[in-house]
Amino acid sequence: MNDVRPFIDPDKVTDRDSFVQFVEYLVADRVAAAEAEKANPQRYQWEGAAGWQNTAIPAFLEGALAGSLAQPDWGTGAVPSWRDLAVFLYLGKIYE
């Protein structure tokens, strides 16, 4: 299994650099989860490895959208923040 970069809390994303680090974490996390799922498909037939609920792009985007709309404080600024973007992507991973 690939090394997964250390978890970066999306609430800690404050600027472009921390957003890039967060996305790098998310990519590495998904790659590692996909390898675990491939190695043991029976174990992960109902839920993805490492908390991944949505592994296909449409499901990921639906989860991100539904999760962000369920967060009353998400995206309430005049423009989206780096944190808002990170939270959106993280919700794509975890929101069913």
N, C-alpha and C. Protein backbone atom coordinates (compact mmCIF):
# COMPACT_ATOMS: atom_id res chain seq x y z
N MET A 1 0.85 -1.18 0.00
CA MET A 1 0.00 0.00 0.00
C MET A 1 0.89 1.24 0.00
N ASN A 2 0.48 2.25 -0.73
CA ASN A 2 1.24 3.50 -0.78
C ASN A 2 1.22 4.20 0.57
N ASP A 3 2.25 4.96 0.83
CA ASP A 3 2.25 5.80 2.03
C ASP A 3 1.21 6.89 1.84
N VAL A 4 0.44 7.12 2.88
CA VAL A 4 -0.56 8.18 2.84
C VAL A 4 0.02 9.36 3.59
N ARG A 5 -0.07 10.51 2.98
CA ARG A 5 0.40 11.73 3.64
C ARG A 5 -0.40 11.94 4.93
N PRO A 6 0.18 12.61 5.90
CA PRO A 6 -0.54 12.84 7.15
C PRO A 6 -1.85 13.58 6.90
N PHE A 7 -2.86 13.22 7.67
CA PHE A 7 -4.16 13.85 7.55
C PHE A 7 -4.04 15.35 7.76
N ILE A 8 -4.70 16.09 6.92
CA ILE A 8 -4.80 17.54 7.07
C ILE A 8 -6.28 17.85 7.25
N ASP A 9 -6.61 18.42 8.37
CA ASP A 9 -7.99 18.79 8.68
C ASP A 9 -8.43 19.89 7.72
N PRO A 10 -9.53 19.69 7.00
CA PRO A 10 -9.96 20.74 6.06
C PRO A 10 -10.26 22.06 6.75
N ASP A 11 -10.60 22.01 8.04
CA ASP A 11 -10.85 23.25 8.77
C ASP A 11 -9.57 24.04 9.01
N LYS A 12 -8.41 23.41 8.82
CA LYS A 12 -7.12 24.07 9.02
C LYS A 12 -6.57 24.66 7.72
N VAL A 13 -7.27 24.46 6.62
CA VAL A 13 -6.83 25.01 5.33
C VAL A 13 -7.12 26.50 5.32
N THR A 14 -6.06 27.28 5.11
CA THR A 14 -6.21 28.74 5.19
C THR A 14 -5.71 29.49 3.97
N ASP A 15 -4.94 28.80 3.12
CA ASP A 15 -4.36 29.49 1.97
C ASP A 15 -4.10 28.48 0.85
N ARG A 16 -3.56 28.97 -0.25
CA ARG A 16 -3.32 28.13 -1.42
C ARG A 16 -2.42 26.95 -1.08
N ASP A 17 -1.33 27.21 -0.36
CA ASP A 17 -0.38 26.14 -0.05
C ASP A 17 -1.01 25.04 0.81
N SER A 18 -1.76 25.42 1.83
CA SER A 18 -2.38 24.40 2.67
C SER A 18 -3.49 23.67 1.91
N PHE A 19 -4.15 24.36 0.97
CA PHE A 19 -5.15 23.69 0.14
C PHE A 19 -4.48 22.65 -0.76
N VAL A 20 -3.37 23.00 -1.38
CA VAL A 20 -2.63 22.05 -2.23
C VAL A 20 -2.19 20.86 -1.40
N GLN A 21 -1.68 21.09 -0.19
CA GLN A 21 -1.28 19.97 0.68
C GLN A 21 -2.48 19.10 1.01
N PHE A 22 -3.63 19.71 1.26
CA PHE A 22 -4.83 18.95 1.56
C PHE A 22 -5.23 18.08 0.38
N VAL A 23 -5.22 18.63 -0.82
CA VAL A 23 -5.59 17.86 -2.01
C VAL A 23 -4.58 16.73 -2.24
N GLU A 24 -3.30 16.99 -2.02
CA GLU A 24 -2.30 15.93 -2.13
C GLU A 24 -2.59 14.80 -1.14
N TYR A 25 -2.98 15.16 0.09
CA TYR A 25 -3.37 14.15 1.08
C TYR A 25 -4.56 13.36 0.56
N LEU A 26 -5.58 14.04 0.07
CA LEU A 26 -6.80 13.38 -0.37
C LEU A 26 -6.50 12.41 -1.52
N VAL A 27 -5.68 12.80 -2.46
CA VAL A 27 -5.30 11.92 -3.57
C VAL A 27 -4.58 10.69 -3.05
N ALA A 28 -3.57 10.88 -2.20
CA ALA A 28 -2.81 9.76 -1.66
C ALA A 28 -3.70 8.84 -0.83
N ASP A 29 -4.62 9.42 -0.09
CA ASP A 29 -5.55 8.64 0.72
C ASP A 29 -6.45 7.78 -0.16
N ARG A 30 -6.94 8.35 -1.27
CA ARG A 30 -7.82 7.59 -2.16
C ARG A 30 -7.06 6.48 -2.87
N VAL A 31 -5.83 6.75 -3.29
CA VAL A 31 -5.01 5.73 -3.94
C VAL A 31 -4.78 4.55 -2.98
N ALA A 32 -4.41 4.86 -1.75
CA ALA A 32 -4.18 3.81 -0.75
C ALA A 32 -5.47 3.04 -0.47
N ALA A 33 -6.59 3.73 -0.38
CA ALA A 33 -7.87 3.06 -0.14
C ALA A 33 -8.24 2.16 -1.31
N ALA A 34 -8.02 2.62 -2.54
CA ALA A 34 -8.33 1.80 -3.72
C ALA A 34 -7.49 0.53 -3.73
N GLU A 35 -6.23 0.64 -3.33
CA GLU A 35 -5.37 -0.55 -3.27
C GLU A 35 -5.88 -1.52 -2.22
N ALA A 36 -6.30 -1.01 -1.07
CA ALA A 36 -6.85 -1.87 -0.01
C ALA A 36 -8.14 -2.54 -0.48
N GLU A 37 -8.98 -1.80 -1.17
CA GLU A 37 -10.24 -2.35 -1.68
C GLU A 37 -9.99 -3.43 -2.73
N LYS A 38 -9.00 -3.21 -3.56
CA LYS A 38 -8.67 -4.19 -4.59
C LYS A 38 -8.09 -5.47 -3.97
N ALA A 39 -7.28 -5.30 -2.93
CA ALA A 39 -6.66 -6.44 -2.26
C ALA A 39 -7.67 -7.26 -1.46
N ASN A 40 -8.74 -6.63 -1.01
CA ASN A 40 -9.72 -7.33 -0.18
C ASN A 40 -11.13 -6.86 -0.52
N PRO A 41 -11.63 -7.21 -1.71
CA PRO A 41 -12.93 -6.69 -2.15
C PRO A 41 -14.10 -7.13 -1.27
N GLN A 42 -14.04 -8.31 -0.69
CA GLN A 42 -15.13 -8.75 0.18
C GLN A 42 -15.28 -7.83 1.38
N ARG A 43 -14.18 -7.45 1.96
CA ARG A 43 -14.21 -6.60 3.16
C ARG A 43 -14.83 -5.24 2.86
N TYR A 44 -14.60 -4.74 1.66
CA TYR A 44 -15.03 -3.38 1.32
C TYR A 44 -16.19 -3.35 0.33
N GLN A 45 -16.97 -4.40 0.27
CA GLN A 45 -18.06 -4.42 -0.71
C GLN A 45 -19.18 -3.43 -0.38
N TRP A 46 -19.35 -3.05 0.87
CA TRP A 46 -20.44 -2.14 1.24
C TRP A 46 -19.96 -0.73 1.58
N GLU A 47 -18.69 -0.60 1.92
CA GLU A 47 -18.15 0.70 2.29
C GLU A 47 -16.68 0.72 1.90
N GLY A 48 -16.21 1.86 1.39
CA GLY A 48 -14.83 1.96 0.96
C GLY A 48 -13.85 2.00 2.13
N ALA A 49 -12.61 1.70 1.83
CA ALA A 49 -11.55 1.74 2.83
C ALA A 49 -11.29 3.18 3.25
N ALA A 50 -10.75 3.35 4.44
CA ALA A 50 -10.32 4.65 4.97
C ALA A 50 -11.44 5.69 5.00
N GLY A 51 -12.67 5.22 5.17
CA GLY A 51 -13.79 6.15 5.29
C GLY A 51 -14.33 6.69 3.98
N TRP A 52 -13.87 6.16 2.85
CA TRP A 52 -14.34 6.64 1.55
C TRP A 52 -15.74 6.09 1.29
N GLN A 53 -16.72 6.98 1.24
CA GLN A 53 -18.09 6.60 0.95
C GLN A 53 -18.40 6.70 -0.54
N ASN A 54 -17.69 7.57 -1.24
CA ASN A 54 -17.98 7.84 -2.65
C ASN A 54 -16.71 7.71 -3.46
N THR A 55 -16.66 6.67 -4.29
CA THR A 55 -15.42 6.42 -5.03
C THR A 55 -15.53 6.76 -6.51
N ALA A 56 -16.73 6.91 -7.02
CA ALA A 56 -16.93 7.32 -8.42
C ALA A 56 -17.15 8.83 -8.45
N ILE A 57 -16.73 9.46 -9.50
CA ILE A 57 -16.82 10.93 -9.59
C ILE A 57 -18.24 11.44 -9.38
N PRO A 58 -19.28 10.89 -10.03
CA PRO A 58 -20.62 11.43 -9.78
C PRO A 58 -21.04 11.31 -8.32
N ALA A 59 -20.77 10.18 -7.69
CA ALA A 59 -21.14 10.00 -6.28
C ALA A 59 -20.33 10.93 -5.40
N PHE A 60 -19.04 11.11 -5.71
CA PHE A 60 -18.18 12.02 -4.96
C PHE A 60 -18.74 13.44 -5.01
N LEU A 61 -19.10 13.90 -6.19
CA LEU A 61 -19.62 15.25 -6.34
C LEU A 61 -20.99 15.40 -5.69
N GLU A 62 -21.83 14.38 -5.80
CA GLU A 62 -23.14 14.42 -5.13
C GLU A 62 -22.97 14.50 -3.62
N GLY A 63 -22.03 13.70 -3.07
CA GLY A 63 -21.76 13.75 -1.64
C GLY A 63 -21.22 15.10 -1.21
N ALA A 64 -20.30 15.64 -2.00
CA ALA A 64 -19.73 16.95 -1.69
C ALA A 64 -20.82 18.03 -1.69
N LEU A 65 -21.68 18.00 -2.69
CA LEU A 65 -22.75 18.99 -2.78
C LEU A 65 -23.76 18.84 -1.65
N ALA A 66 -24.23 17.62 -1.42
CA ALA A 66 -25.22 17.40 -0.36
C ALA A 66 -24.64 17.74 1.00
N GLY A 67 -23.41 17.33 1.23
CA GLY A 67 -22.77 17.61 2.52
C GLY A 67 -22.56 19.10 2.74
N SER A 68 -22.13 19.80 1.71
CA SER A 68 -21.89 21.24 1.87
C SER A 68 -23.20 22.00 2.08
N LEU A 69 -24.25 21.59 1.40
CA LEU A 69 -25.54 22.27 1.58
C LEU A 69 -26.12 22.00 2.96
N ALA A 70 -25.74 20.88 3.57
CA ALA A 70 -26.21 20.55 4.92
C ALA A 70 -25.43 21.30 6.01
N GLN A 71 -24.34 21.96 5.64
CA GLN A 71 -23.51 22.72 6.59
C GLN A 71 -23.95 24.18 6.55
N PRO A 72 -24.60 24.67 7.60
CA PRO A 72 -25.12 26.05 7.55
C PRO A 72 -24.04 27.12 7.41
N ASP A 73 -22.81 26.83 7.81
CA ASP A 73 -21.77 27.86 7.72
C ASP A 73 -20.86 27.69 6.51
N TRP A 74 -21.17 26.73 5.65
CA TRP A 74 -20.30 26.49 4.50
C TRP A 74 -20.61 27.50 3.40
N GLY A 75 -19.57 28.14 2.89
CA GLY A 75 -19.69 29.03 1.73
C GLY A 75 -20.54 30.26 1.95
N THR A 76 -20.57 30.76 3.16
CA THR A 76 -21.42 31.91 3.45
C THR A 76 -20.74 33.25 3.21
N GLY A 77 -19.44 33.22 2.91
CA GLY A 77 -18.73 34.47 2.64
C GLY A 77 -19.05 35.00 1.25
N ALA A 78 -18.56 36.19 0.98
CA ALA A 78 -18.78 36.82 -0.32
C ALA A 78 -18.14 36.00 -1.45
N VAL A 79 -17.02 35.37 -1.14
CA VAL A 79 -16.35 34.46 -2.08
C VAL A 79 -15.95 33.22 -1.30
N PRO A 80 -15.84 32.08 -1.96
CA PRO A 80 -15.42 30.88 -1.24
C PRO A 80 -13.99 31.02 -0.74
N SER A 81 -13.76 30.49 0.44
CA SER A 81 -12.41 30.50 1.01
C SER A 81 -11.70 29.19 0.63
N TRP A 82 -10.40 29.14 0.88
CA TRP A 82 -9.65 27.90 0.67
C TRP A 82 -10.23 26.81 1.56
N ARG A 83 -10.64 27.17 2.77
CA ARG A 83 -11.26 26.21 3.69
C ARG A 83 -12.55 25.68 3.08
N ASP A 84 -13.39 26.56 2.53
CA ASP A 84 -14.64 26.11 1.90
C ASP A 84 -14.38 25.07 0.82
N LEU A 85 -13.37 25.31 0.01
CA LEU A 85 -13.03 24.36 -1.06
C LEU A 85 -12.56 23.03 -0.48
N ALA A 86 -11.73 23.08 0.56
CA ALA A 86 -11.24 21.85 1.19
C ALA A 86 -12.38 21.08 1.84
N VAL A 87 -13.27 21.77 2.52
CA VAL A 87 -14.42 21.11 3.16
C VAL A 87 -15.28 20.46 2.09
N PHE A 88 -15.52 21.14 0.98
CA PHE A 88 -16.31 20.58 -0.12
C PHE A 88 -15.71 19.25 -0.58
N LEU A 89 -14.40 19.23 -0.81
CA LEU A 89 -13.75 18.00 -1.27
C LEU A 89 -13.79 16.91 -0.21
N TYR A 90 -13.57 17.27 1.05
CA TYR A 90 -13.60 16.28 2.12
C TYR A 90 -14.99 15.67 2.26
N LEU A 91 -16.02 16.49 2.12
CA LEU A 91 -17.39 15.97 2.19
C LEU A 91 -17.66 15.00 1.05
N GLY A 92 -17.03 15.20 -0.09
CA GLY A 92 -17.15 14.23 -1.18
C GLY A 92 -16.65 12.86 -0.79
N LYS A 93 -15.67 12.82 0.09
CA LYS A 93 -15.13 11.56 0.58
C LYS A 93 -16.07 10.89 1.57
N ILE A 94 -16.61 11.65 2.51
CA ILE A 94 -17.27 11.04 3.67
C ILE A 94 -18.79 11.11 3.70
N TYR A 95 -19.40 12.01 2.92
CA TYR A 95 -20.86 12.21 3.03
C TYR A 95 -21.60 11.24 2.13
N GLU A 96 -22.58 10.55 2.69
CA GLU A 96 -23.36 9.59 1.90
C GLU A 96 -24.58 10.23 1.30
